[in-house]
Amino acid sequence: ARGAKVVVNDLGSQLSVAESVVEEIRAAGGEAIANGANVTQ
C-alpha cells in the first residue's frame, strides 16, 4: 500500500495463501510475486 514491490513468501505447502495475498496486492494496483521457499533451507 506504501508502494513497495513485495515477495510474498510462505512455505511451499501454503503457496496458495501467498498467491491470494499477491492477488490482493495486484487488485489494489501493486506489484507482488509469490514464493514458497522454506526459510530453513
PDB file of all heavy atoms in Angstrom:
ATOM      1  N   ALA A   1       0.831  -1.213   0.000  1.00  0.00           N
ATOM      2  CA  ALA A   1       0.000   0.000   0.000  1.00  0.00           C
ATOM      3  C   ALA A   1       0.860   1.256   0.000  1.00  0.00           C
ATOM      4  O   ALA A   1       0.413   2.319  -0.443  1.00  0.00           O
ATOM      5  CB  ALA A   1      -0.932  -0.003   1.210  1.00  0.00           C
ATOM      6  N   ARG A   2       2.097   1.130   0.491  1.00  0.00           N
ATOM      7  CA  ARG A   2       3.021   2.266   0.527  1.00  0.00           C
ATOM      8  C   ARG A   2       3.955   2.276  -0.682  1.00  0.00           C
ATOM      9  O   ARG A   2       4.934   3.013  -0.711  1.00  0.00           O
ATOM     10  CB  ARG A   2       3.802   2.237   1.831  1.00  0.00           C
ATOM     11  CG  ARG A   2       2.926   2.603   3.019  1.00  0.00           C
ATOM     12  CD  ARG A   2       3.519   2.162   4.348  1.00  0.00           C
ATOM     13  NE  ARG A   2       2.653   2.524   5.456  1.00  0.00           N
ATOM     14  CZ  ARG A   2       1.593   1.831   5.839  1.00  0.00           C
ATOM     15  NH1 ARG A   2       1.238   0.720   5.209  1.00  0.00           N
ATOM     16  NH2 ARG A   2       0.855   2.230   6.863  1.00  0.00           N
ATOM     17  N   GLY A   3       3.668   1.421  -1.660  1.00  0.00           N
ATOM     18  CA  GLY A   3       4.407   1.447  -2.910  1.00  0.00           C
ATOM     19  C   GLY A   3       5.504   0.426  -3.078  1.00  0.00           C
ATOM     20  O   GLY A   3       6.154   0.390  -4.125  1.00  0.00           O
ATOM     21  N   ALA A   4       5.748  -0.405  -2.074  1.00  0.00           N
ATOM     22  CA  ALA A   4       6.803  -1.415  -2.215  1.00  0.00           C
ATOM     23  C   ALA A   4       6.347  -2.545  -3.134  1.00  0.00           C
ATOM     24  O   ALA A   4       5.168  -2.898  -3.170  1.00  0.00           O
ATOM     25  CB  ALA A   4       7.175  -1.985  -0.844  1.00  0.00           C
ATOM     26  N   LYS A   5       7.298  -3.085  -3.858  1.00  0.00           N
ATOM     27  CA  LYS A   5       7.093  -4.320  -4.612  1.00  0.00           C
ATOM     28  C   LYS A   5       7.403  -5.444  -3.627  1.00  0.00           C
ATOM     29  O   LYS A   5       8.423  -5.394  -2.950  1.00  0.00           O
ATOM     30  CB  LYS A   5       8.012  -4.348  -5.814  1.00  0.00           C
ATOM     31  CG  LYS A   5       7.753  -3.210  -6.793  1.00  0.00           C
ATOM     32  CD  LYS A   5       8.905  -3.081  -7.780  1.00  0.00           C
ATOM     33  CE  LYS A   5       8.691  -1.973  -8.757  1.00  0.00           C
ATOM     34  NZ  LYS A   5       8.796  -0.623  -8.170  1.00  0.00           N
ATOM     35  N   VAL A   6       6.542  -6.459  -3.554  1.00  0.00           N
ATOM     36  CA  VAL A   6       6.626  -7.410  -2.451  1.00  0.00           C
ATOM     37  C   VAL A   6       6.756  -8.850  -2.933  1.00  0.00           C
ATOM     38  O   VAL A   6       5.981  -9.297  -3.784  1.00  0.00           O
ATOM     39  CB  VAL A   6       5.391  -7.297  -1.530  1.00  0.00           C
ATOM     40  CG1 VAL A   6       5.508  -8.247  -0.337  1.00  0.00           C
ATOM     41  CG2 VAL A   6       5.201  -5.858  -1.047  1.00  0.00           C
ATOM     42  N   VAL A   7       7.729  -9.557  -2.354  1.00  0.00           N
ATOM     43  CA  VAL A   7       7.799 -11.008  -2.471  1.00  0.00           C
ATOM     44  C   VAL A   7       7.019 -11.547  -1.277  1.00  0.00           C
ATOM     45  O   VAL A   7       7.407 -11.331  -0.122  1.00  0.00           O
ATOM     46  CB  VAL A   7       9.246 -11.531  -2.443  1.00  0.00           C
ATOM     47  CG1 VAL A   7       9.254 -13.060  -2.471  1.00  0.00           C
ATOM     48  CG2 VAL A   7      10.056 -10.959  -3.593  1.00  0.00           C
ATOM     49  N   VAL A   8       5.912 -12.205  -1.567  1.00  0.00           N
ATOM     50  CA  VAL A   8       5.043 -12.782  -0.539  1.00  0.00           C
ATOM     51  C   VAL A   8       5.469 -14.233  -0.373  1.00  0.00           C
ATOM     52  O   VAL A   8       5.169 -15.085  -1.202  1.00  0.00           O
ATOM     53  CB  VAL A   8       3.559 -12.686  -0.946  1.00  0.00           C
ATOM     54  CG1 VAL A   8       2.669 -13.316   0.113  1.00  0.00           C
ATOM     55  CG2 VAL A   8       3.162 -11.230  -1.200  1.00  0.00           C
ATOM     56  N   ASN A   9       6.206 -14.496   0.705  1.00  0.00           N
ATOM     57  CA  ASN A   9       6.729 -15.841   0.943  1.00  0.00           C
ATOM     58  C   ASN A   9       5.877 -16.582   1.962  1.00  0.00           C
ATOM     59  O   ASN A   9       5.496 -16.027   2.990  1.00  0.00           O
ATOM     60  CB  ASN A   9       8.180 -15.751   1.457  1.00  0.00           C
ATOM     61  CG  ASN A   9       8.638 -17.055   2.070  1.00  0.00           C
ATOM     62  OD1 ASN A   9       8.604 -17.211   3.287  1.00  0.00           O
ATOM     63  ND2 ASN A   9       9.039 -17.993   1.250  1.00  0.00           N
ATOM     64  N   ASP A  10       5.582 -17.808   1.633  1.00  0.00           N
ATOM     65  CA  ASP A  10       5.020 -18.747   2.603  1.00  0.00           C
ATOM     66  C   ASP A  10       5.451 -20.130   2.150  1.00  0.00           C
ATOM     67  O   ASP A  10       5.679 -20.349   0.958  1.00  0.00           O
ATOM     68  CB  ASP A  10       3.498 -18.635   2.715  1.00  0.00           C
ATOM     69  CG  ASP A  10       3.030 -18.813   4.157  1.00  0.00           C
ATOM     70  OD1 ASP A  10       3.389 -19.846   4.762  1.00  0.00           O
ATOM     71  OD2 ASP A  10       2.339 -17.933   4.677  1.00  0.00           O
ATOM     72  N   LEU A  11       5.579 -21.039   3.076  1.00  0.00           N
ATOM     73  CA  LEU A  11       6.085 -22.376   2.791  1.00  0.00           C
ATOM     74  C   LEU A  11       5.346 -22.990   1.612  1.00  0.00           C
ATOM     75  O   LEU A  11       4.128 -22.814   1.477  1.00  0.00           O
ATOM     76  CB  LEU A  11       5.953 -23.248   4.036  1.00  0.00           C
ATOM     77  CG  LEU A  11       6.625 -24.608   3.995  1.00  0.00           C
ATOM     78  CD1 LEU A  11       8.126 -24.481   3.749  1.00  0.00           C
ATOM     79  CD2 LEU A  11       6.381 -25.345   5.309  1.00  0.00           C
ATOM     80  N   GLY A  12       6.063 -23.717   0.782  1.00  0.00           N
ATOM     81  CA  GLY A  12       5.516 -24.306  -0.439  1.00  0.00           C
ATOM     82  C   GLY A  12       4.154 -24.938  -0.292  1.00  0.00           C
ATOM     83  O   GLY A  12       3.285 -24.769  -1.150  1.00  0.00           O
ATOM     84  N   SER A  13       3.916 -25.658   0.813  1.00  0.00           N
ATOM     85  CA  SER A  13       2.610 -26.279   1.007  1.00  0.00           C
ATOM     86  C   SER A  13       1.521 -25.237   1.239  1.00  0.00           C
ATOM     87  O   SER A  13       0.334 -25.542   1.132  1.00  0.00           O
ATOM     88  CB  SER A  13       2.655 -27.252   2.192  1.00  0.00           C
ATOM     89  OG  SER A  13       2.994 -26.568   3.382  1.00  0.00           O
ATOM     90  N   GLN A  14       1.926 -24.013   1.556  1.00  0.00           N
ATOM     91  CA  GLN A  14       0.992 -22.911   1.783  1.00  0.00           C
ATOM     92  C   GLN A  14       1.056 -21.869   0.666  1.00  0.00           C
ATOM     93  O   GLN A  14       0.592 -20.754   0.826  1.00  0.00           O
ATOM     94  CB  GLN A  14       1.311 -22.221   3.121  1.00  0.00           C
ATOM     95  CG  GLN A  14       1.124 -23.110   4.326  1.00  0.00           C
ATOM     96  CD  GLN A  14      -0.326 -23.479   4.519  1.00  0.00           C
ATOM     97  OE1 GLN A  14      -1.217 -22.642   4.468  1.00  0.00           O
ATOM     98  NE2 GLN A  14      -0.574 -24.756   4.715  1.00  0.00           N
ATOM     99  N   LEU A  15       1.642 -22.248  -0.477  1.00  0.00           N
ATOM    100  CA  LEU A  15       1.848 -21.284  -1.548  1.00  0.00           C
ATOM    101  C   LEU A  15       0.542 -20.666  -2.028  1.00  0.00           C
ATOM    102  O   LEU A  15       0.498 -19.496  -2.394  1.00  0.00           O
ATOM    103  CB  LEU A  15       2.606 -21.926  -2.708  1.00  0.00           C
ATOM    104  CG  LEU A  15       3.136 -20.993  -3.788  1.00  0.00           C
ATOM    105  CD1 LEU A  15       4.027 -19.902  -3.190  1.00  0.00           C
ATOM    106  CD2 LEU A  15       3.888 -21.770  -4.847  1.00  0.00           C
ATOM    107  N   SER A  16      -0.556 -21.410  -1.968  1.00  0.00           N
ATOM    108  CA  SER A  16      -1.831 -20.857  -2.436  1.00  0.00           C
ATOM    109  C   SER A  16      -2.263 -19.658  -1.592  1.00  0.00           C
ATOM    110  O   SER A  16      -2.852 -18.715  -2.123  1.00  0.00           O
ATOM    111  CB  SER A  16      -2.926 -21.925  -2.435  1.00  0.00           C
ATOM    112  OG  SER A  16      -3.164 -22.398  -1.126  1.00  0.00           O
ATOM    113  N   VAL A  17      -1.965 -19.661  -0.295  1.00  0.00           N
ATOM    114  CA  VAL A  17      -2.327 -18.498   0.521  1.00  0.00           C
ATOM    115  C   VAL A  17      -1.445 -17.311   0.163  1.00  0.00           C
ATOM    116  O   VAL A  17      -1.908 -16.172   0.150  1.00  0.00           O
ATOM    117  CB  VAL A  17      -2.305 -18.781   2.043  1.00  0.00           C
ATOM    118  CG1 VAL A  17      -3.370 -19.793   2.432  1.00  0.00           C
ATOM    119  CG2 VAL A  17      -0.945 -19.225   2.530  1.00  0.00           C
ATOM    120  N   ALA A  18      -0.174 -17.557  -0.150  1.00  0.00           N
ATOM    121  CA  ALA A  18       0.712 -16.483  -0.603  1.00  0.00           C
ATOM    122  C   ALA A  18       0.207 -15.917  -1.923  1.00  0.00           C
ATOM    123  O   ALA A  18       0.192 -14.698  -2.125  1.00  0.00           O
ATOM    124  CB  ALA A  18       2.145 -16.993  -0.744  1.00  0.00           C
ATOM    125  N   GLU A  19      -0.229 -16.780  -2.815  1.00  0.00           N
ATOM    126  CA  GLU A  19      -0.759 -16.323  -4.100  1.00  0.00           C
ATOM    127  C   GLU A  19      -2.024 -15.482  -3.916  1.00  0.00           C
ATOM    128  O   GLU A  19      -2.245 -14.525  -4.659  1.00  0.00           O
ATOM    129  CB  GLU A  19      -1.017 -17.521  -5.009  1.00  0.00           C
ATOM    130  CG  GLU A  19       0.282 -18.154  -5.488  1.00  0.00           C
ATOM    131  CD  GLU A  19       0.114 -19.520  -6.136  1.00  0.00           C
ATOM    132  OE1 GLU A  19      -0.946 -20.156  -5.968  1.00  0.00           O
ATOM    133  OE2 GLU A  19       1.075 -19.949  -6.804  1.00  0.00           O
ATOM    134  N   SER A  20      -2.825 -15.814  -2.907  1.00  0.00           N
ATOM    135  CA  SER A  20      -4.017 -15.000  -2.614  1.00  0.00           C
ATOM    136  C   SER A  20      -3.632 -13.595  -2.181  1.00  0.00           C
ATOM    137  O   SER A  20      -4.272 -12.614  -2.572  1.00  0.00           O
ATOM    138  CB  SER A  20      -4.861 -15.660  -1.524  1.00  0.00           C
ATOM    139  OG  SER A  20      -5.382 -16.879  -1.965  1.00  0.00           O
ATOM    140  N   VAL A  21      -2.588 -13.477  -1.376  1.00  0.00           N
ATOM    141  CA  VAL A  21      -2.110 -12.160  -0.942  1.00  0.00           C
ATOM    142  C   VAL A  21      -1.568 -11.385  -2.145  1.00  0.00           C
ATOM    143  O   VAL A  21      -1.821 -10.187  -2.279  1.00  0.00           O
ATOM    144  CB  VAL A  21      -1.053 -12.292   0.180  1.00  0.00           C
ATOM    145  CG1 VAL A  21      -0.481 -10.934   0.561  1.00  0.00           C
ATOM    146  CG2 VAL A  21      -1.655 -12.979   1.405  1.00  0.00           C
ATOM    147  N   VAL A  22      -0.865 -12.079  -3.021  1.00  0.00           N
ATOM    148  CA  VAL A  22      -0.359 -11.442  -4.244  1.00  0.00           C
ATOM    149  C   VAL A  22      -1.529 -10.883  -5.052  1.00  0.00           C
ATOM    150  O   VAL A  22      -1.469  -9.746  -5.543  1.00  0.00           O
ATOM    151  CB  VAL A  22       0.477 -12.435  -5.090  1.00  0.00           C
ATOM    152  CG1 VAL A  22       0.725 -11.894  -6.495  1.00  0.00           C
ATOM    153  CG2 VAL A  22       1.793 -12.741  -4.397  1.00  0.00           C
ATOM    154  N   GLU A  23      -2.589 -11.651  -5.182  1.00  0.00           N
ATOM    155  CA  GLU A  23      -3.756 -11.183  -5.938  1.00  0.00           C
ATOM    156  C   GLU A  23      -4.390  -9.958  -5.288  1.00  0.00           C
ATOM    157  O   GLU A  23      -4.810  -9.031  -5.982  1.00  0.00           O
ATOM    158  CB  GLU A  23      -4.772 -12.303  -6.112  1.00  0.00           C
ATOM    159  CG  GLU A  23      -4.310 -13.390  -7.068  1.00  0.00           C
ATOM    160  CD  GLU A  23      -3.837 -12.853  -8.414  1.00  0.00           C
ATOM    161  OE1 GLU A  23      -4.521 -11.991  -9.010  1.00  0.00           O
ATOM    162  OE2 GLU A  23      -2.743 -13.277  -8.868  1.00  0.00           O
ATOM    163  N   GLU A  24      -4.438  -9.930  -3.952  1.00  0.00           N
ATOM    164  CA  GLU A  24      -4.944  -8.743  -3.244  1.00  0.00           C
ATOM    165  C   GLU A  24      -4.098  -7.514  -3.561  1.00  0.00           C
ATOM    166  O   GLU A  24      -4.618  -6.430  -3.799  1.00  0.00           O
ATOM    167  CB  GLU A  24      -4.920  -8.966  -1.727  1.00  0.00           C
ATOM    168  CG  GLU A  24      -6.092  -9.697  -1.167  1.00  0.00           C
ATOM    169  CD  GLU A  24      -6.040  -9.700   0.348  1.00  0.00           C
ATOM    170  OE1 GLU A  24      -6.352  -8.651   0.971  1.00  0.00           O
ATOM    171  OE2 GLU A  24      -5.677 -10.754   0.922  1.00  0.00           O
ATOM    172  N   ILE A  25      -2.798  -7.701  -3.527  1.00  0.00           N
ATOM    173  CA  ILE A  25      -1.884  -6.589  -3.807  1.00  0.00           C
ATOM    174  C   ILE A  25      -2.062  -6.098  -5.240  1.00  0.00           C
ATOM    175  O   ILE A  25      -2.164  -4.896  -5.486  1.00  0.00           O
ATOM    176  CB  ILE A  25      -0.421  -7.001  -3.524  1.00  0.00           C
ATOM    177  CG1 ILE A  25      -0.212  -7.189  -2.010  1.00  0.00           C
ATOM    178  CG2 ILE A  25       0.571  -5.986  -4.092  1.00  0.00           C
ATOM    179  CD1 ILE A  25       1.107  -7.847  -1.635  1.00  0.00           C
ATOM    180  N   ARG A  26      -2.122  -7.033  -6.166  1.00  0.00           N
ATOM    181  CA  ARG A  26      -2.282  -6.654  -7.579  1.00  0.00           C
ATOM    182  C   ARG A  26      -3.629  -5.973  -7.826  1.00  0.00           C
ATOM    183  O   ARG A  26      -3.707  -5.011  -8.580  1.00  0.00           O
ATOM    184  CB  ARG A  26      -2.132  -7.877  -8.471  1.00  0.00           C
ATOM    185  CG  ARG A  26      -0.691  -8.368  -8.540  1.00  0.00           C
ATOM    186  CD  ARG A  26      -0.555  -9.564  -9.443  1.00  0.00           C
ATOM    187  NE  ARG A  26       0.830 -10.021  -9.504  1.00  0.00           N
ATOM    188  CZ  ARG A  26       1.194 -11.226  -9.889  1.00  0.00           C
ATOM    189  NH1 ARG A  26       0.283 -12.111 -10.285  1.00  0.00           N
ATOM    190  NH2 ARG A  26       2.462 -11.563  -9.911  1.00  0.00           N
ATOM    191  N   ALA A  27      -4.677  -6.469  -7.178  1.00  0.00           N
ATOM    192  CA  ALA A  27      -6.011  -5.877  -7.338  1.00  0.00           C
ATOM    193  C   ALA A  27      -6.033  -4.431  -6.858  1.00  0.00           C
ATOM    194  O   ALA A  27      -6.805  -3.609  -7.361  1.00  0.00           O
ATOM    195  CB  ALA A  27      -7.048  -6.710  -6.588  1.00  0.00           C
ATOM    196  N   ALA A  28      -5.160  -4.123  -5.890  1.00  0.00           N
ATOM    197  CA  ALA A  28      -5.076  -2.754  -5.367  1.00  0.00           C
ATOM    198  C   ALA A  28      -4.087  -1.901  -6.165  1.00  0.00           C
ATOM    199  O   ALA A  28      -3.803  -0.761  -5.796  1.00  0.00           O
ATOM    200  CB  ALA A  28      -4.674  -2.790  -3.895  1.00  0.00           C
ATOM    201  N   GLY A  29      -3.531  -2.465  -7.250  1.00  0.00           N
ATOM    202  CA  GLY A  29      -2.617  -1.703  -8.105  1.00  0.00           C
ATOM    203  C   GLY A  29      -1.151  -1.885  -7.806  1.00  0.00           C
ATOM    204  O   GLY A  29      -0.307  -1.208  -8.390  1.00  0.00           O
ATOM    205  N   GLY A  30      -0.822  -2.794  -6.897  1.00  0.00           N
ATOM    206  CA  GLY A  30       0.572  -3.008  -6.532  1.00  0.00           C
ATOM    207  C   GLY A  30       1.233  -4.119  -7.318  1.00  0.00           C
ATOM    208  O   GLY A  30       0.608  -4.763  -8.161  1.00  0.00           O
ATOM    209  N   GLU A  31       2.512  -4.326  -7.032  1.00  0.00           N
ATOM    210  CA  GLU A  31       3.296  -5.379  -7.669  1.00  0.00           C
ATOM    211  C   GLU A  31       3.737  -6.376  -6.615  1.00  0.00           C
ATOM    212  O   GLU A  31       4.236  -5.986  -5.552  1.00  0.00           O
ATOM    213  CB  GLU A  31       4.532  -4.814  -8.352  1.00  0.00           C
ATOM    214  CG  GLU A  31       4.254  -3.980  -9.574  1.00  0.00           C
ATOM    215  CD  GLU A  31       5.544  -3.566 -10.267  1.00  0.00           C
ATOM    216  OE1 GLU A  31       6.364  -4.453 -10.606  1.00  0.00           O
ATOM    217  OE2 GLU A  31       5.735  -2.348 -10.437  1.00  0.00           O
ATOM    218  N   ALA A  32       3.574  -7.672  -6.921  1.00  0.00           N
ATOM    219  CA  ALA A  32       3.977  -8.714  -5.980  1.00  0.00           C
ATOM    220  C   ALA A  32       4.155 -10.033  -6.711  1.00  0.00           C
ATOM    221  O   ALA A  32       3.573 -10.250  -7.777  1.00  0.00           O
ATOM    222  CB  ALA A  32       2.933  -8.868  -4.880  1.00  0.00           C
ATOM    223  N   ILE A  33       4.983 -10.884  -6.125  1.00  0.00           N
ATOM    224  CA  ILE A  33       5.134 -12.262  -6.582  1.00  0.00           C
ATOM    225  C   ILE A  33       5.075 -13.174  -5.364  1.00  0.00           C
ATOM    226  O   ILE A  33       5.443 -12.770  -4.264  1.00  0.00           O
ATOM    227  CB  ILE A  33       6.450 -12.486  -7.370  1.00  0.00           C
ATOM    228  CG1 ILE A  33       7.681 -12.112  -6.534  1.00  0.00           C
ATOM    229  CG2 ILE A  33       6.414 -11.743  -8.697  1.00  0.00           C
ATOM    230  CD1 ILE A  33       9.023 -12.458  -7.206  1.00  0.00           C
ATOM    231  N   ALA A  34       4.612 -14.386  -5.579  1.00  0.00           N
ATOM    232  CA  ALA A  34       4.573 -15.383  -4.514  1.00  0.00           C
ATOM    233  C   ALA A  34       5.832 -16.228  -4.576  1.00  0.00           C
ATOM    234  O   ALA A  34       6.409 -16.436  -5.650  1.00  0.00           O
ATOM    235  CB  ALA A  34       3.339 -16.266  -4.660  1.00  0.00           C
ATOM    236  N   ASN A  35       6.251 -16.725  -3.406  1.00  0.00           N
ATOM    237  CA  ASN A  35       7.420 -17.585  -3.339  1.00  0.00           C
ATOM    238  C   ASN A  35       7.227 -18.583  -2.211  1.00  0.00           C
ATOM    239  O   ASN A  35       6.833 -18.201  -1.113  1.00  0.00           O
ATOM    240  CB  ASN A  35       8.684 -16.760  -3.117  1.00  0.00           C
ATOM    241  CG  ASN A  35       9.917 -17.615  -3.190  1.00  0.00           C
ATOM    242  OD1 ASN A  35      10.236 -18.318  -2.242  1.00  0.00           O
ATOM    243  ND2 ASN A  35      10.588 -17.578  -4.326  1.00  0.00           N
ATOM    244  N   GLY A  36       7.537 -19.843  -2.475  1.00  0.00           N
ATOM    245  CA  GLY A  36       7.329 -20.906  -1.493  1.00  0.00           C
ATOM    246  C   GLY A  36       8.584 -21.388  -0.805  1.00  0.00           C
ATOM    247  O   GLY A  36       8.601 -22.495  -0.261  1.00  0.00           O
ATOM    248  N   ALA A  37       9.638 -20.592  -0.771  1.00  0.00           N
ATOM    249  CA  ALA A  37      10.893 -21.015  -0.149  1.00  0.00           C
ATOM    250  C   ALA A  37      10.685 -21.384   1.313  1.00  0.00           C
ATOM    251  O   ALA A  37       9.956 -20.726   2.050  1.00  0.00           O
ATOM    252  CB  ALA A  37      11.940 -19.906  -0.249  1.00  0.00           C
ATOM    253  N   ASN A  38      11.369 -22.445   1.725  1.00  0.00           N
ATOM    254  CA  ASN A  38      11.418 -22.844   3.127  1.00  0.00           C
ATOM    255  C   ASN A  38      12.558 -22.057   3.766  1.00  0.00           C
ATOM    256  O   ASN A  38      13.719 -22.197   3.354  1.00  0.00           O
ATOM    257  CB  ASN A  38      11.677 -24.352   3.214  1.00  0.00           C
ATOM    258  CG  ASN A  38      11.747 -24.868   4.623  1.00  0.00           C
ATOM    259  OD1 ASN A  38      12.068 -24.150   5.563  1.00  0.00           O
ATOM    260  ND2 ASN A  38      11.456 -26.153   4.785  1.00  0.00           N
ATOM    261  N   VAL A  39      12.255 -21.230   4.757  1.00  0.00           N
ATOM    262  CA  VAL A  39      13.264 -20.343   5.343  1.00  0.00           C
ATOM    263  C   VAL A  39      14.382 -21.085   6.058  1.00  0.00           C
ATOM    264  O   VAL A  39      15.411 -20.490   6.367  1.00  0.00           O
ATOM    265  CB  VAL A  39      12.635 -19.282   6.287  1.00  0.00           C
ATOM    266  CG1 VAL A  39      11.672 -18.389   5.522  1.00  0.00           C
ATOM    267  CG2 VAL A  39      11.972 -19.933   7.503  1.00  0.00           C
ATOM    268  N   THR A  40      14.214 -22.380   6.291  1.00  0.00           N
ATOM    269  CA  THR A  40      15.271 -23.161   6.940  1.00  0.00           C
ATOM    270  C   THR A  40      16.257 -23.738   5.926  1.00  0.00           C
ATOM    271  O   THR A  40      17.226 -24.388   6.323  1.00  0.00           O
ATOM    272  CB  THR A  40      14.700 -24.306   7.796  1.00  0.00           C
ATOM    273  OG1 THR A  40      14.110 -25.289   6.941  1.00  0.00           O
ATOM    274  CG2 THR A  40      13.679 -23.795   8.801  1.00  0.00           C
ATOM    275  N   GLN A  41      16.016 -23.485   4.650  1.00  0.00           N
ATOM    276  CA  GLN A  41      16.856 -24.048   3.587  1.00  0.00           C
ATOM    277  C   GLN A  41      17.600 -22.932   2.848  1.00  0.00           C
ATOM    278  O   GLN A  41      16.999 -22.214   2.045  1.00  0.00           O
ATOM    279  CB  GLN A  41      15.994 -24.850   2.605  1.00  0.00           C
ATOM    280  CG  GLN A  41      15.239 -26.001   3.243  1.00  0.00           C
ATOM    281  CD  GLN A  41      16.179 -27.001   3.904  1.00  0.00           C
ATOM    282  OE1 GLN A  41      17.178 -27.425   3.321  1.00  0.00           O
ATOM    283  NE2 GLN A  41      15.871 -27.363   5.145  1.00  0.00           N
TER     284      GLN A  41
END
